[in-house]
């Protein structure tokens, strides 16, 4: 499968076909790590670990404590 590097704003990027995204369970907003392997470029999906997700949840709960308290009534 061939893709073309395209101008996207001030950067350049590629469009990953939907079939590939579906096959790997990826969607917009997911993060990929770029690895250089000799003359190849590898894109590796990065899954957030539970500790990172819990930390983010605690920050959000602290920030929106008042709103969450009102919604819980």
PDB file of N, CA and C in Angstrom:
ATOM      1  N   UNK A   1       0.843  -1.171   0.000  1.00  0.00           N
ATOM      2  CA  UNK A   1       0.000   0.000   0.000  1.00  0.00           C
ATOM      3  C   UNK A   1       0.890   1.236   0.000  1.00  0.00           C
ATOM      4  N   UNK A   2       0.640   2.127  -0.887  1.00  0.00           N
ATOM      5  CA  UNK A   2       1.406   3.364  -0.989  1.00  0.00           C
ATOM      6  C   UNK A   2       0.578   4.535  -0.483  1.00  0.00           C
ATOM      7  N   UNK A   3       1.244   5.454   0.222  1.00  0.00           N
ATOM      8  CA  UNK A   3       0.634   6.711   0.642  1.00  0.00           C
ATOM      9  C   UNK A   3       1.585   7.826   0.233  1.00  0.00           C
ATOM     10  N   UNK A   4       1.063   9.041   0.161  1.00  0.00           N
ATOM     11  CA  UNK A   4       1.858  10.194  -0.252  1.00  0.00           C
ATOM     12  C   UNK A   4       1.997  11.150   0.920  1.00  0.00           C
ATOM     13  N   UNK A   5       3.195  11.687   1.119  1.00  0.00           N
ATOM     14  CA  UNK A   5       3.392  12.712   2.138  1.00  0.00           C
ATOM     15  C   UNK A   5       2.752  13.993   1.621  1.00  0.00           C
ATOM     16  N   UNK A   6       1.901  14.595   2.464  1.00  0.00           N
ATOM     17  CA  UNK A   6       1.153  15.787   2.064  1.00  0.00           C
ATOM     18  C   UNK A   6       1.419  16.936   3.031  1.00  0.00           C
ATOM     19  N   UNK A   7       1.233  18.128   2.529  1.00  0.00           N
ATOM     20  CA  UNK A   7       1.339  19.325   3.351  1.00  0.00           C
ATOM     21  C   UNK A   7       0.075  19.410   4.204  1.00  0.00           C
ATOM     22  N   UNK A   8       0.252  19.553   5.531  1.00  0.00           N
ATOM     23  CA  UNK A   8      -0.871  19.696   6.456  1.00  0.00           C
ATOM     24  C   UNK A   8      -0.531  20.885   7.356  1.00  0.00           C
ATOM     25  N   UNK A   9      -1.096  22.049   7.045  1.00  0.00           N
ATOM     26  CA  UNK A   9      -0.756  23.265   7.780  1.00  0.00           C
ATOM     27  C   UNK A   9       0.705  23.591   7.574  1.00  0.00           C
ATOM     28  N   UNK A  10       1.439  23.783   8.676  1.00  0.00           N
ATOM     29  CA  UNK A  10       2.868  24.061   8.589  1.00  0.00           C
ATOM     30  C   UNK A  10       3.706  22.789   8.651  1.00  0.00           C
ATOM     31  N   UNK A  11       3.039  21.636   8.705  1.00  0.00           N
ATOM     32  CA  UNK A  11       3.733  20.358   8.807  1.00  0.00           C
ATOM     33  C   UNK A  11       3.483  19.526   7.570  1.00  0.00           C
ATOM     34  N   UNK A  12       3.990  18.327   7.598  1.00  0.00           N
ATOM     35  CA  UNK A  12       3.726  17.368   6.542  1.00  0.00           C
ATOM     36  C   UNK A  12       3.324  16.063   7.193  1.00  0.00           C
ATOM     37  N   UNK A  13       2.496  15.280   6.523  1.00  0.00           N
ATOM     38  CA  UNK A  13       2.028  14.035   7.112  1.00  0.00           C
ATOM     39  C   UNK A  13       1.469  13.100   6.068  1.00  0.00           C
ATOM     40  N   UNK A  14       0.999  11.964   6.548  1.00  0.00           N
ATOM     41  CA  UNK A  14       0.370  10.993   5.662  1.00  0.00           C
ATOM     42  C   UNK A  14      -1.049  10.729   6.153  1.00  0.00           C
ATOM     43  N   UNK A  15      -1.898  10.298   5.254  1.00  0.00           N
ATOM     44  CA  UNK A  15      -3.249   9.887   5.602  1.00  0.00           C
ATOM     45  C   UNK A  15      -3.222   8.365   5.683  1.00  0.00           C
ATOM     46  N   UNK A  16      -3.613   7.825   6.840  1.00  0.00           N
ATOM     47  CA  UNK A  16      -3.644   6.375   7.011  1.00  0.00           C
ATOM     48  C   UNK A  16      -5.034   5.893   6.603  1.00  0.00           C
ATOM     49  N   UNK A  17      -5.123   4.969   5.643  1.00  0.00           N
ATOM     50  CA  UNK A  17      -6.422   4.491   5.165  1.00  0.00           C
ATOM     51  C   UNK A  17      -7.261   3.885   6.290  1.00  0.00           C
ATOM     52  N   UNK A  18      -8.579   4.069   6.194  1.00  0.00           N
ATOM     53  CA  UNK A  18      -9.515   3.584   7.207  1.00  0.00           C
ATOM     54  C   UNK A  18      -9.366   2.093   7.453  1.00  0.00           C
ATOM     55  N   UNK A  19      -9.126   1.315   6.402  1.00  0.00           N
ATOM     56  CA  UNK A  19      -8.998  -0.133   6.556  1.00  0.00           C
ATOM     57  C   UNK A  19      -7.837  -0.482   7.493  1.00  0.00           C
ATOM     58  N   UNK A  20      -6.744   0.269   7.379  1.00  0.00           N
ATOM     59  CA  UNK A  20      -5.572   0.029   8.235  1.00  0.00           C
ATOM     60  C   UNK A  20      -5.898   0.431   9.669  1.00  0.00           C
ATOM     61  N   UNK A  21      -6.535   1.578   9.836  1.00  0.00           N
ATOM     62  CA  UNK A  21      -6.917   2.023  11.182  1.00  0.00           C
ATOM     63  C   UNK A  21      -7.827   0.994  11.842  1.00  0.00           C
ATOM     64  N   UNK A  22      -8.818   0.505  11.106  1.00  0.00           N
ATOM     65  CA  UNK A  22      -9.745  -0.496  11.633  1.00  0.00           C
ATOM     66  C   UNK A  22      -9.014  -1.781  12.015  1.00  0.00           C
ATOM     67  N   UNK A  23      -8.104  -2.216  11.184  1.00  0.00           N
ATOM     68  CA  UNK A  23      -7.370  -3.463  11.423  1.00  0.00           C
ATOM     69  C   UNK A  23      -6.571  -3.397  12.725  1.00  0.00           C
ATOM     70  N   UNK A  24      -6.047  -2.213  13.050  1.00  0.00           N
ATOM     71  CA  UNK A  24      -5.236  -2.064  14.253  1.00  0.00           C
ATOM     72  C   UNK A  24      -6.006  -1.442  15.416  1.00  0.00           C
ATOM     73  N   UNK A  25      -7.291  -1.194  15.227  1.00  0.00           N
ATOM     74  CA  UNK A  25      -8.113  -0.637  16.299  1.00  0.00           C
ATOM     75  C   UNK A  25      -7.735   0.788  16.659  1.00  0.00           C
ATOM     76  N   UNK A  26      -7.338   1.570  15.664  1.00  0.00           N
ATOM     77  CA  UNK A  26      -6.933   2.959  15.895  1.00  0.00           C
ATOM     78  C   UNK A  26      -8.018   3.927  15.472  1.00  0.00           C
ATOM     79  N   UNK A  27      -7.990   5.122  16.076  1.00  0.00           N
ATOM     80  CA  UNK A  27      -8.947   6.167  15.705  1.00  0.00           C
ATOM     81  C   UNK A  27      -8.276   7.524  15.879  1.00  0.00           C
ATOM     82  N   UNK A  28      -8.941   8.559  15.413  1.00  0.00           N
ATOM     83  CA  UNK A  28      -8.408   9.921  15.538  1.00  0.00           C
ATOM     84  C   UNK A  28      -8.127  10.221  17.002  1.00  0.00           C
ATOM     85  N   UNK A  29      -6.971  10.808  17.269  1.00  0.00           N
ATOM     86  CA  UNK A  29      -6.587  11.154  18.635  1.00  0.00           C
ATOM     87  C   UNK A  29      -5.672  10.136  19.287  1.00  0.00           C
ATOM     88  N   UNK A  30      -5.610   8.913  18.752  1.00  0.00           N
ATOM     89  CA  UNK A  30      -4.690   7.911  19.291  1.00  0.00           C
ATOM     90  C   UNK A  30      -3.257   8.342  19.006  1.00  0.00           C
ATOM     91  N   UNK A  31      -2.349   7.941  19.873  1.00  0.00           N
ATOM     92  CA  UNK A  31      -0.950   8.319  19.702  1.00  0.00           C
ATOM     93  C   UNK A  31      -0.142   7.169  19.120  1.00  0.00           C
ATOM     94  N   UNK A  32       0.811   7.528  18.264  1.00  0.00           N
ATOM     95  CA  UNK A  32       1.722   6.562  17.666  1.00  0.00           C
ATOM     96  C   UNK A  32       3.142   6.968  18.002  1.00  0.00           C
ATOM     97  N   UNK A  33       3.991   5.994  18.274  1.00  0.00           N
ATOM     98  CA  UNK A  33       5.412   6.248  18.469  1.00  0.00           C
ATOM     99  C   UNK A  33       6.100   5.987  17.140  1.00  0.00           C
ATOM    100  N   UNK A  34       7.033   6.855  16.764  1.00  0.00           N
ATOM    101  CA  UNK A  34       7.789   6.677  15.523  1.00  0.00           C
ATOM    102  C   UNK A  34       9.139   6.069  15.872  1.00  0.00           C
ATOM    103  N   UNK A  35       9.437   4.912  15.294  1.00  0.00           N
ATOM    104  CA  UNK A  35      10.726   4.243  15.484  1.00  0.00           C
ATOM    105  C   UNK A  35      11.456   4.193  14.152  1.00  0.00           C
ATOM    106  N   UNK A  36      12.738   4.483  14.189  1.00  0.00           N
ATOM    107  CA  UNK A  36      13.573   4.329  12.994  1.00  0.00           C
ATOM    108  C   UNK A  36      14.271   2.983  13.104  1.00  0.00           C
ATOM    109  N   UNK A  37      14.107   2.162  12.089  1.00  0.00           N
ATOM    110  CA  UNK A  37      14.677   0.822  12.083  1.00  0.00           C
ATOM    111  C   UNK A  37      15.494   0.659  10.803  1.00  0.00           C
ATOM    112  N   UNK A  38      16.760   1.036  10.876  1.00  0.00           N
ATOM    113  CA  UNK A  38      17.589   1.001   9.670  1.00  0.00           C
ATOM    114  C   UNK A  38      17.068   2.018   8.672  1.00  0.00           C
ATOM    115  N   UNK A  39      16.649   1.550   7.510  1.00  0.00           N
ATOM    116  CA  UNK A  39      16.115   2.445   6.482  1.00  0.00           C
ATOM    117  C   UNK A  39      14.590   2.469   6.506  1.00  0.00           C
ATOM    118  N   UNK A  40      13.983   1.939   7.583  1.00  0.00           N
ATOM    119  CA  UNK A  40      12.520   1.877   7.680  1.00  0.00           C
ATOM    120  C   UNK A  40      12.016   2.772   8.805  1.00  0.00           C
ATOM    121  N   UNK A  41      10.783   3.213   8.654  1.00  0.00           N
ATOM    122  CA  UNK A  41      10.084   3.959   9.701  1.00  0.00           C
ATOM    123  C   UNK A  41       8.957   3.061  10.189  1.00  0.00           C
ATOM    124  N   UNK A  42       8.881   2.868  11.522  1.00  0.00           N
ATOM    125  CA  UNK A  42       7.807   2.068  12.105  1.00  0.00           C
ATOM    126  C   UNK A  42       6.900   2.975  12.929  1.00  0.00           C
ATOM    127  N   UNK A  43       5.603   2.792  12.787  1.00  0.00           N
ATOM    128  CA  UNK A  43       4.623   3.492  13.614  1.00  0.00           C
ATOM    129  C   UNK A  43       4.048   2.470  14.579  1.00  0.00           C
ATOM    130  N   UNK A  44       4.206   2.717  15.887  1.00  0.00           N
ATOM    131  CA  UNK A  44       3.768   1.764  16.899  1.00  0.00           C
ATOM    132  C   UNK A  44       2.695   2.421  17.757  1.00  0.00           C
ATOM    133  N   UNK A  45       1.483   1.819  17.832  1.00  0.00           N
ATOM    134  CA  UNK A  45       0.424   2.384  18.673  1.00  0.00           C
ATOM    135  C   UNK A  45       0.854   2.440  20.133  1.00  0.00           C
ATOM    136  N   UNK A  46       0.539   3.548  20.795  1.00  0.00           N
ATOM    137  CA  UNK A  46       0.849   3.722  22.210  1.00  0.00           C
ATOM    138  C   UNK A  46      -0.441   3.678  23.004  1.00  0.00           C
ATOM    139  N   UNK A  47      -0.547   2.719  23.871  1.00  0.00           N
ATOM    140  CA  UNK A  47      -1.715   2.612  24.743  1.00  0.00           C
ATOM    141  C   UNK A  47      -1.363   3.241  26.088  1.00  0.00           C
ATOM    142  N   UNK A  48      -2.242   4.119  26.568  1.00  0.00           N
ATOM    143  CA  UNK A  48      -2.005   4.750  27.864  1.00  0.00           C
ATOM    144  C   UNK A  48      -2.132   3.690  28.953  1.00  0.00           C
ATOM    145  N   UNK A  49      -1.211   3.684  29.905  1.00  0.00           N
ATOM    146  CA  UNK A  49      -1.291   2.696  30.969  1.00  0.00           C
ATOM    147  C   UNK A  49      -2.278   3.160  32.032  1.00  0.00           C
ATOM    148  N   UNK A  50      -2.715   2.234  32.862  1.00  0.00           N
ATOM    149  CA  UNK A  50      -3.744   2.504  33.861  1.00  0.00           C
ATOM    150  C   UNK A  50      -3.330   3.610  34.820  1.00  0.00           C
ATOM    151  N   UNK A  51      -2.083   3.620  35.259  1.00  0.00           N
ATOM    152  CA  UNK A  51      -1.622   4.650  36.197  1.00  0.00           C
ATOM    153  C   UNK A  51      -1.767   6.043  35.595  1.00  0.00           C
ATOM    154  N   UNK A  52      -1.443   6.175  34.314  1.00  0.00           N
ATOM    155  CA  UNK A  52      -1.560   7.469  33.642  1.00  0.00           C
ATOM    156  C   UNK A  52      -3.032   7.874  33.525  1.00  0.00           C
ATOM    157  N   UNK A  53      -3.896   6.921  33.218  1.00  0.00           N
ATOM    158  CA  UNK A  53      -5.321   7.218  33.101  1.00  0.00           C
ATOM    159  C   UNK A  53      -5.901   7.635  34.448  1.00  0.00           C
ATOM    160  N   UNK A  54      -5.499   6.953  35.520  1.00  0.00           N
ATOM    161  CA  UNK A  54      -5.998   7.307  36.852  1.00  0.00           C
ATOM    162  C   UNK A  54      -5.514   8.695  37.273  1.00  0.00           C
ATOM    163  N   UNK A  55      -4.257   9.020  36.954  1.00  0.00           N
ATOM    164  CA  UNK A  55      -3.723  10.340  37.270  1.00  0.00           C
ATOM    165  C   UNK A  55      -4.526  11.424  36.564  1.00  0.00           C
ATOM    166  N   UNK A  56      -4.825  11.202  35.281  1.00  0.00           N
ATOM    167  CA  UNK A  56      -5.610  12.171  34.511  1.00  0.00           C
ATOM    168  C   UNK A  56      -7.017  12.298  35.087  1.00  0.00           C
ATOM    169  N   UNK A  57      -7.608  11.186  35.510  1.00  0.00           N
ATOM    170  CA  UNK A  57      -8.955  11.219  36.093  1.00  0.00           C
ATOM    171  C   UNK A  57      -8.955  12.015  37.396  1.00  0.00           C
ATOM    172  N   UNK A  58      -7.936  11.801  38.225  1.00  0.00           N
ATOM    173  CA  UNK A  58      -7.855  12.545  39.496  1.00  0.00           C
ATOM    174  C   UNK A  58      -7.723  14.040  39.257  1.00  0.00           C
ATOM    175  N   UNK A  59      -6.924  14.426  38.291  1.00  0.00           N
ATOM    176  CA  UNK A  59      -6.768  15.846  37.958  1.00  0.00           C
ATOM    177  C   UNK A  59      -8.113  16.425  37.520  1.00  0.00           C
ATOM    178  N   UNK A  60      -8.824  15.699  36.644  1.00  0.00           N
ATOM    179  CA  UNK A  60     -10.126  16.162  36.168  1.00  0.00           C
ATOM    180  C   UNK A  60     -11.148  16.252  37.286  1.00  0.00           C
ATOM    181  N   UNK A  61     -11.153  15.257  38.179  1.00  0.00           N
ATOM    182  CA  UNK A  61     -12.106  15.269  39.296  1.00  0.00           C
ATOM    183  C   UNK A  61     -11.824  16.425  40.250  1.00  0.00           C
ATOM    184  N   UNK A  62     -10.539  16.726  40.462  1.00  0.00           N
ATOM    185  CA  UNK A  62     -10.189  17.840  41.334  1.00  0.00           C
ATOM    186  C   UNK A  62     -10.579  19.165  40.690  1.00  0.00           C
ATOM    187  N   UNK A  63     -10.296  19.291  39.394  1.00  0.00           N
ATOM    188  CA  UNK A  63     -10.581  20.534  38.677  1.00  0.00           C
ATOM    189  C   UNK A  63     -12.086  20.815  38.619  1.00  0.00           C
ATOM    190  N   UNK A  64     -12.892  19.764  38.409  1.00  0.00           N
ATOM    191  CA  UNK A  64     -14.336  19.931  38.239  1.00  0.00           C
ATOM    192  C   UNK A  64     -15.126  19.410  39.437  1.00  0.00           C
ATOM    193  N   UNK A  65     -14.515  19.471  40.631  1.00  0.00           N
ATOM    194  CA  UNK A  65     -15.138  18.949  41.843  1.00  0.00           C
ATOM    195  C   UNK A  65     -16.538  19.521  42.064  1.00  0.00           C
ATOM    196  N   UNK A  66     -16.672  20.834  41.973  1.00  0.00           N
ATOM    197  CA  UNK A  66     -17.964  21.479  42.234  1.00  0.00           C
ATOM    198  C   UNK A  66     -19.016  21.009  41.226  1.00  0.00           C
ATOM    199  N   UNK A  67     -18.683  21.007  39.965  1.00  0.00           N
ATOM    200  CA  UNK A  67     -19.639  20.578  38.932  1.00  0.00           C
ATOM    201  C   UNK A  67     -20.015  19.111  39.122  1.00  0.00           C
ATOM    202  N   UNK A  68     -19.057  18.259  39.418  1.00  0.00           N
ATOM    203  CA  UNK A  68     -19.349  16.831  39.618  1.00  0.00           C
ATOM    204  C   UNK A  68     -20.232  16.626  40.836  1.00  0.00           C
ATOM    205  N   UNK A  69     -19.988  17.418  41.885  1.00  0.00           N
ATOM    206  CA  UNK A  69     -20.812  17.318  43.095  1.00  0.00           C
ATOM    207  C   UNK A  69     -22.270  17.681  42.779  1.00  0.00           C
ATOM    208  N   UNK A  70     -22.464  18.734  41.992  1.00  0.00           N
ATOM    209  CA  UNK A  70     -23.824  19.147  41.607  1.00  0.00           C
ATOM    210  C   UNK A  70     -24.490  18.091  40.725  1.00  0.00           C
ATOM    211  N   UNK A  71     -23.745  17.519  39.814  1.00  0.00           N
ATOM    212  CA  UNK A  71     -24.315  16.483  38.943  1.00  0.00           C
ATOM    213  C   UNK A  71     -24.678  15.228  39.712  1.00  0.00           C
ATOM    214  N   UNK A  72     -24.010  14.962  40.801  1.00  0.00           N
ATOM    215  CA  UNK A  72     -24.258  13.753  41.585  1.00  0.00           C
ATOM    216  C   UNK A  72     -25.532  13.855  42.419  1.00  0.00           C
ATOM    217  N   UNK A  73     -26.108  15.053  42.541  1.00  0.00           N
ATOM    218  CA  UNK A  73     -27.334  15.234  43.360  1.00  0.00           C
ATOM    219  C   UNK A  73     -28.525  14.596  42.698  1.00  0.00           C
TER     220      UNK A  73
END
